[in-house]
Protein backbone atom coordinates (compact mmCIF):
# COMPACT_ATOMS: atom_id res chain seq x y z
CA MET A 1 -1.07 1.45 10.27
CA GLU A 2 -2.47 -1.45 8.52
CA GLU A 3 -5.98 -0.08 8.45
CA ARG A 4 -4.83 3.15 7.02
CA ILE A 5 -2.81 1.20 4.40
CA ILE A 6 -5.71 -0.85 3.41
CA ASN A 7 -8.03 2.10 3.05
CA ILE A 8 -5.52 3.64 0.77
CA VAL A 9 -5.48 0.63 -1.40
CA ARG A 10 -9.26 0.03 -1.53
CA LYS A 11 -9.56 3.70 -2.60
CA VAL A 12 -7.02 3.44 -5.23
CA LEU A 13 -7.99 0.09 -6.58
CA GLU A 14 -11.76 1.29 -6.32
CA LEU A 15 -12.67 -1.84 -4.30
CA ASP A 16 -16.19 -2.08 -3.00
CA ASN A 17 -17.25 -3.42 0.31
CA SER A 18 -17.82 -6.87 -1.26
CA ILE A 19 -14.17 -7.29 -0.98
CA SER A 20 -13.27 -7.72 2.92
CA ASN A 21 -10.36 -6.19 4.58
CA GLU A 22 -9.01 -9.74 5.30
CA LYS A 23 -9.14 -10.49 1.80
CA ILE A 24 -7.26 -7.39 0.90
CA LYS A 25 -4.77 -7.89 3.62
CA HIS A 26 -3.95 -11.54 2.39
CA GLU A 27 -4.37 -11.36 -1.31
CA ASN A 28 -1.77 -10.28 -3.99
CA LEU A 29 -2.76 -6.67 -4.83
CA PHE A 30 -2.12 -7.26 -8.38
CA ALA A 31 -4.66 -10.09 -8.40
CA LEU A 32 -6.89 -7.36 -6.95
CA GLY A 33 -6.44 -5.12 -9.73
CA MET A 34 -3.21 -3.23 -9.10
CA THR A 35 -1.18 -1.78 -11.96
CA SER A 36 2.11 -0.25 -12.22
CA ILE A 37 0.16 3.26 -12.45
CA LEU A 38 -2.00 2.42 -9.45
CA ALA A 39 1.13 1.38 -7.52
CA ILE A 40 2.63 4.84 -8.01
CA GLN A 41 -0.76 6.40 -6.71
CA VAL A 42 -0.60 4.08 -3.78
CA ILE A 43 3.08 5.06 -3.04
CA ILE A 44 2.13 8.85 -3.26
CA LEU A 45 -0.68 8.45 -0.95
CA ILE A 46 1.31 6.36 1.53
CA GLU A 47 4.05 9.07 1.44
CA SER A 48 1.53 11.66 2.15
CA GLU A 49 -0.49 9.75 4.80
CA PHE A 50 2.59 8.73 6.81
CA ASP A 51 4.68 12.00 6.11
CA ILE A 52 7.35 10.09 4.48
CA VAL A 53 9.55 10.03 1.26
CA PHE A 54 10.76 6.69 -0.20
CA GLU A 55 14.24 6.51 -1.36
CA ASP A 56 14.27 5.48 -5.05
CA ASP A 57 16.10 2.33 -4.14
CA ASP A 58 12.89 1.02 -2.32
CA LEU A 59 10.42 1.83 -4.97
CA THR A 60 10.09 -1.54 -6.79
CA MET A 61 6.87 -3.11 -7.72
CA ASP A 62 7.27 -5.86 -4.99
CA VAL A 63 6.85 -3.18 -2.23
CA VAL A 64 3.30 -2.83 -3.17
CA GLU A 65 2.60 -6.62 -3.76
CA THR A 66 0.73 -6.94 -0.32
CA ILE A 67 -0.27 -5.07 2.53
CA ASN A 68 2.46 -6.66 4.40
CA SER A 69 5.08 -5.60 1.92
CA ILE A 70 3.89 -2.28 2.11
CA GLN A 71 3.65 -2.06 6.02
CA LYS A 72 7.56 -3.10 6.23
CA ILE A 73 8.55 -0.60 3.80
CA VAL A 74 6.63 2.10 5.61
CA ASN A 75 7.89 0.65 9.12
CA LYS A 76 11.45 1.44 7.76
CA TYR A 77 10.51 5.12 7.48
CA VAL A 78 8.13 5.97 10.19
CA VAL A 79 9.88 7.58 13.23
CA LYS A 80 8.75 5.85 16.34
CA ILE A 81 8.40 7.96 19.24
């Protein structure tokens, strides 16, 4: 799951390979160029990738602040089989 999220963030923020996945994993995404518009794009792609729909109450800027925060909210919605 983490790698899929990192790939989405890398694509939306247009991060090249000079920025490692480890840095993306541990960095505040707003320090890497995340904006409110890009956050919406990340959310839309996450919903599509994991076939989930976030509730409005969960759509806050802190949800897309880090890879870990994104992963936590995705875990809330992904059905574990």
